[in-house]
């Protein structure tokens, strides 16, 4: 009986020892696995650290590039500002030049007008060259014929007309005076117009438009012309020949 009990104790002790050996091996394996995991984690952390270091270098490089770009943009901004100032200066110079040219044109027109007035050649030198451009601008008419200083006689009736421009459906009669006076305007409206109609019956089917022209027209003359339905043509501020009351006569 004692031998049997001893044998059972030995068996139990062997099983315990085997269990302990198994547990020890298992623990050893777990430690090895943990060691491998720790090594992998350490390698990953080292790789992450290297990546962060590389990223930091890239960020530093980017920061330097941005700093350089900022400096370039500052220089570009200064160049733009300098160019803007140069353009402003150029614009002022061009304005001064334009004003000088305008003043020269005005003075030239005044001198030319005075000379033409003195020589009695206002029609040929000043009015006639402006007829085509003025009629195109205001009446969309490209004259088929422009004649100046026309003398016409029919029986006992005779007259002289300063300028006539003929378009397809319209004829323009010009009266030119060096020194405009109200009586000249009235005479143009009442006498010259009727005389023209009688001496030029070939234009009876065309609309007759009256234009009173001079170097300069004062406000009282312009008002009278507008009242009588006559267009007033003269220098506009001594810059160019123009119709000064087009909207008022045309109803525009």
Protein backbone atom coordinates (compact mmCIF):
# COMPACT_ATOMS: atom_id res chain seq x y z
CA UNK A 1 0.00 0.00 0.00
CA UNK A 2 2.78 2.38 0.81
CA UNK A 3 4.46 1.65 -2.52
CA UNK A 4 1.27 2.43 -4.39
CA UNK A 5 0.83 5.72 -2.56
CA UNK A 6 4.42 6.66 -3.28
CA UNK A 7 4.01 5.84 -6.92
CA UNK A 8 0.94 8.09 -7.11
CA UNK A 9 2.85 10.94 -5.50
CA UNK A 10 5.69 10.47 -7.96
CA UNK A 11 3.24 10.50 -10.88
CA UNK A 12 1.60 13.64 -9.54
CA UNK A 13 4.97 15.28 -9.07
CA UNK A 14 6.00 14.38 -12.63
CA UNK A 15 2.78 15.86 -13.99
CA UNK A 16 3.38 19.04 -12.00
CA UNK A 17 6.96 19.20 -13.25
CA UNK A 18 5.80 18.66 -16.83
CA UNK A 19 3.15 21.35 -16.42
CA UNK A 20 5.75 23.70 -15.03
CA UNK A 21 8.12 22.87 -17.90
CA UNK A 22 5.28 23.50 -20.40
CA UNK A 23 4.35 26.76 -18.76
CA UNK A 24 8.02 27.78 -18.68
CA UNK A 25 8.39 26.99 -22.38
CA UNK A 26 5.20 28.79 -23.20
CA UNK A 27 6.37 31.80 -21.22
CA UNK A 28 9.72 31.65 -23.01
CA UNK A 29 7.98 31.59 -26.39
CA UNK A 30 5.76 34.49 -25.42
CA UNK A 31 8.84 36.42 -24.31
CA UNK A 32 10.54 35.66 -27.62
CA UNK A 33 7.45 36.79 -29.52
CA UNK A 34 7.23 39.92 -27.40
CA UNK A 35 10.93 40.55 -28.00
CA UNK A 36 10.37 40.26 -31.75
CA UNK A 37 7.39 42.59 -31.55
CA UNK A 38 9.40 45.04 -29.49
CA UNK A 39 12.21 44.90 -32.04
CA UNK A 40 9.73 45.48 -34.90
CA UNK A 41 8.15 48.32 -32.94
CA UNK A 42 11.60 49.77 -32.29
CA UNK A 43 12.45 49.53 -36.01
CA UNK A 44 9.10 51.14 -36.91
CA UNK A 45 9.72 53.93 -34.42
CA UNK A 46 13.21 54.44 -35.85
CA UNK A 47 11.76 54.53 -39.37
CA UNK A 48 9.05 56.94 -38.19
CA UNK A 49 11.72 59.06 -36.54
CA UNK A 50 13.70 59.15 -39.80
CA UNK A 51 10.56 60.01 -41.73
CA UNK A 52 9.77 62.80 -39.26
CA UNK A 53 13.33 64.03 -39.61
CA UNK A 54 12.99 63.98 -43.40
CA UNK A 55 9.60 65.70 -43.12
CA UNK A 56 11.15 68.31 -40.84
CA UNK A 57 13.89 68.91 -43.42
CA UNK A 58 11.29 69.18 -46.16
CA UNK A 59 9.29 71.64 -44.07
CA UNK A 60 12.44 73.65 -43.44
CA UNK A 61 13.19 73.65 -47.16
CA UNK A 62 9.60 74.63 -47.90
CA UNK A 63 9.85 77.39 -45.31
CA UNK A 64 13.01 78.69 -46.98
CA UNK A 65 11.35 78.50 -50.38
CA UNK A 66 8.33 80.39 -49.05
CA UNK A 67 10.64 82.98 -47.57
CA UNK A 68 12.41 83.33 -50.90
CA UNK A 69 9.05 83.49 -52.71
CA UNK A 70 7.87 86.14 -50.26
CA UNK A 71 10.99 88.18 -50.96
CA UNK A 72 10.45 87.77 -54.70
CA UNK A 73 6.82 88.83 -54.34
CA UNK A 74 7.92 91.85 -52.30
CA UNK A 75 10.34 92.74 -55.08
CA UNK A 76 7.62 92.17 -57.68
CA UNK A 77 5.24 94.33 -55.68
CA UNK A 78 7.85 97.09 -55.59
CA UNK A 79 8.31 96.74 -59.35
CA UNK A 80 4.54 96.97 -59.87
CA UNK A 81 4.40 100.04 -57.65
CA UNK A 82 7.28 101.60 -59.54
CA UNK A 83 5.60 100.77 -62.87
CA UNK A 84 2.33 102.24 -61.59
CA UNK A 85 4.11 105.44 -60.61
CA UNK A 86 5.82 105.56 -64.00
CA UNK A 87 2.45 105.06 -65.75
CA UNK A 88 0.90 107.82 -63.64
CA UNK A 89 3.77 110.10 -64.54
CA UNK A 90 3.43 109.11 -68.21
CA UNK A 91 -0.32 109.72 -68.06
CA UNK A 92 0.26 113.19 -66.62
CA UNK A 93 2.85 113.92 -69.31
CA UNK A 94 0.43 112.72 -72.01
CA UNK A 95 -2.32 114.89 -70.55
CA UNK A 96 0.01 117.90 -70.58
CA UNK A 97 1.03 117.06 -74.15
CA UNK A 98 -2.62 116.63 -75.17
CA UNK A 99 -3.50 119.97 -73.59
CA UNK A 100 -0.58 121.62 -75.38
CA UNK A 101 -1.64 120.09 -78.71
CA UNK A 102 -5.25 121.20 -78.12
CA UNK A 103 -4.06 124.71 -77.33
CA UNK A 104 -1.88 124.70 -80.45
CA UNK A 105 -4.83 123.53 -82.54
CA UNK A 106 -7.04 126.23 -81.10
CA UNK A 107 -4.48 128.94 -81.75
CA UNK A 108 -3.80 127.59 -85.23
CA UNK A 109 -7.51 127.52 -86.05
CA UNK A 110 -7.91 131.04 -84.73
CA UNK A 111 -5.02 132.30 -86.86
CA UNK A 112 -6.22 130.35 -89.91
CA UNK A 113 -9.75 131.61 -89.39
CA UNK A 114 -8.58 135.19 -89.07
CA UNK A 115 -6.50 134.88 -92.24
CA UNK A 116 -9.33 133.21 -94.17
CA UNK A 117 -11.70 135.88 -92.91
CA UNK A 118 -9.32 138.63 -94.02
CA UNK A 119 -8.83 137.08 -97.45
CA UNK A 120 -12.51 136.24 -97.89
CA UNK A 121 -11.79 132.50 -98.31
CA UNK A 122 -13.71 131.10 -95.33
CA UNK A 123 -15.88 128.95 -97.59
CA UNK A 124 -13.01 127.39 -99.53
CA UNK A 125 -10.52 127.02 -96.66
CA UNK A 126 -12.65 126.20 -93.63
CA UNK A 127 -16.31 125.43 -94.38
CA UNK A 128 -15.98 123.33 -97.54
CA UNK A 129 -13.48 120.79 -96.11
CA UNK A 130 -15.76 120.23 -93.10
CA UNK A 131 -19.00 119.67 -95.03
CA UNK A 132 -18.45 115.99 -95.84
CA UNK A 133 -17.36 114.89 -92.33
CA UNK A 134 -20.13 116.89 -90.63
CA UNK A 135 -22.89 115.52 -92.87
CA UNK A 136 -21.63 111.95 -92.40
CA UNK A 137 -21.49 112.39 -88.63
CA UNK A 138 -24.91 113.94 -88.10
CA UNK A 139 -27.01 112.93 -91.11
CA UNK A 140 -25.35 109.67 -92.20
CA UNK A 141 -25.08 111.27 -95.61
CA UNK A 142 -22.15 110.85 -97.99
CA UNK A 143 -22.71 113.75 -100.41
CA UNK A 144 -22.90 112.91 -104.09
CA UNK A 145 -21.94 116.48 -104.89
CA UNK A 146 -20.50 119.45 -102.99
CA UNK A 147 -20.31 122.83 -104.72
CA UNK A 148 -19.21 126.20 -103.36
CA UNK A 149 -19.85 129.77 -104.47
CA UNK A 150 -22.58 128.79 -106.90
CA UNK A 151 -24.01 131.54 -109.11
CA UNK A 152 -27.32 130.78 -110.79
CA UNK A 153 -29.54 132.84 -113.05
CA UNK A 154 -32.97 132.06 -114.38
CA UNK A 155 -34.70 134.88 -116.22
CA UNK A 156 -34.73 137.94 -114.05
CA UNK A 157 -33.94 135.91 -110.94
CA UNK A 158 -30.29 135.43 -110.02
CA UNK A 159 -28.50 134.62 -106.80
CA UNK A 160 -25.27 133.28 -105.33
CA UNK A 161 -25.04 130.46 -102.78
CA UNK A 162 -22.01 129.82 -100.59
CA UNK A 163 -22.22 126.01 -100.60
CA UNK A 164 -24.59 123.23 -101.61
CA UNK A 165 -24.28 119.52 -100.78
CA UNK A 166 -26.50 116.96 -102.48
CA UNK A 167 -27.35 113.55 -101.05
CA UNK A 168 -29.71 110.90 -102.36
CA UNK A 169 -32.87 112.20 -100.68
CA UNK A 170 -31.65 115.43 -99.14
CA UNK A 171 -30.02 118.68 -100.20
CA UNK A 172 -28.09 120.95 -97.83
CA UNK A 173 -27.91 124.71 -98.38
CA UNK A 174 -25.09 126.57 -96.60
CA UNK A 175 -24.91 130.26 -95.82
CA UNK A 176 -21.48 131.45 -94.62
CA UNK A 177 -20.87 134.75 -92.86
CA UNK A 178 -17.63 136.09 -91.42
CA UNK A 179 -19.54 138.25 -88.95
CA UNK A 180 -22.92 136.64 -88.16
CA UNK A 181 -25.82 139.01 -87.52
CA UNK A 182 -29.49 138.28 -86.81
CA UNK A 183 -30.57 139.95 -90.08
CA UNK A 184 -28.28 137.61 -92.03
CA UNK A 185 -30.01 134.63 -90.42
CA UNK A 186 -33.47 136.00 -91.22
CA UNK A 187 -32.48 136.78 -94.80
CA UNK A 188 -31.10 133.24 -95.22
CA UNK A 189 -34.33 131.73 -93.95
CA UNK A 190 -36.76 133.89 -95.87
CA UNK A 191 -35.01 135.00 -99.07
CA UNK A 192 -32.15 132.62 -99.84
CA UNK A 193 -34.30 129.56 -99.27
CA UNK A 194 -37.05 130.69 -101.66
CA UNK A 195 -34.51 131.80 -104.22
CA UNK A 196 -32.78 128.39 -104.07
CA UNK A 197 -36.05 126.53 -104.58
CA UNK A 198 -36.86 128.57 -107.67
CA UNK A 199 -33.37 128.37 -109.19
CA UNK A 200 -32.92 124.63 -108.48
CA UNK A 201 -36.26 122.98 -109.24
CA UNK A 202 -34.41 119.68 -109.85
CA UNK A 203 -34.12 119.35 -106.06
CA UNK A 204 -37.77 119.99 -105.30
CA UNK A 205 -38.35 116.35 -104.30
CA UNK A 206 -35.46 116.34 -101.82
CA UNK A 207 -35.69 117.49 -98.23
CA UNK A 208 -34.02 120.90 -97.91
CA UNK A 209 -31.83 121.39 -94.84
CA UNK A 210 -30.43 124.81 -93.96
CA UNK A 211 -27.01 125.25 -92.32
CA UNK A 212 -25.69 128.65 -91.26
CA UNK A 213 -21.90 128.57 -90.88
CA UNK A 214 -19.22 130.85 -89.51
CA UNK A 215 -15.97 130.72 -87.58
CA UNK A 216 -17.77 131.38 -84.31
CA UNK A 217 -21.44 131.67 -83.34
CA UNK A 218 -22.55 133.55 -80.24
CA UNK A 219 -25.38 132.24 -78.08
CA UNK A 220 -27.94 134.78 -79.36
CA UNK A 221 -27.28 133.73 -82.96
CA UNK A 222 -27.48 130.04 -82.05
CA UNK A 223 -30.79 130.62 -80.25
CA UNK A 224 -32.20 132.43 -83.28
CA UNK A 225 -31.03 129.67 -85.62
CA UNK A 226 -32.65 127.03 -83.39
CA UNK A 227 -35.90 129.00 -83.30
CA UNK A 228 -35.97 129.15 -87.12
CA UNK A 229 -35.04 125.47 -87.52
CA UNK A 230 -31.60 126.20 -88.97
CA UNK A 231 -28.47 124.27 -88.00
CA UNK A 232 -25.55 126.37 -86.77
CA UNK A 233 -22.08 125.23 -87.85
CA UNK A 234 -18.90 126.70 -86.36
CA UNK A 235 -15.75 125.83 -84.46
CA UNK A 236 -16.42 124.01 -81.20
CA UNK A 237 -14.01 125.66 -78.77
CA UNK A 238 -11.76 126.35 -81.75
CA UNK A 239 -10.92 122.65 -82.01
CA UNK A 240 -13.02 121.41 -84.95
CA UNK A 241 -15.99 122.41 -87.07
CA UNK A 242 -19.24 121.08 -85.67
CA UNK A 243 -22.99 121.60 -85.59
CA UNK A 244 -23.68 123.35 -82.31
CA UNK A 245 -27.46 122.95 -82.06
CA UNK A 246 -28.11 119.61 -83.72
CA UNK A 247 -30.20 118.10 -80.89
CA UNK A 248 -32.24 121.27 -80.43
CA UNK A 249 -33.17 121.57 -84.12
CA UNK A 250 -33.62 117.82 -84.68
CA UNK A 251 -35.71 117.43 -81.56
CA UNK A 252 -33.21 114.93 -80.09
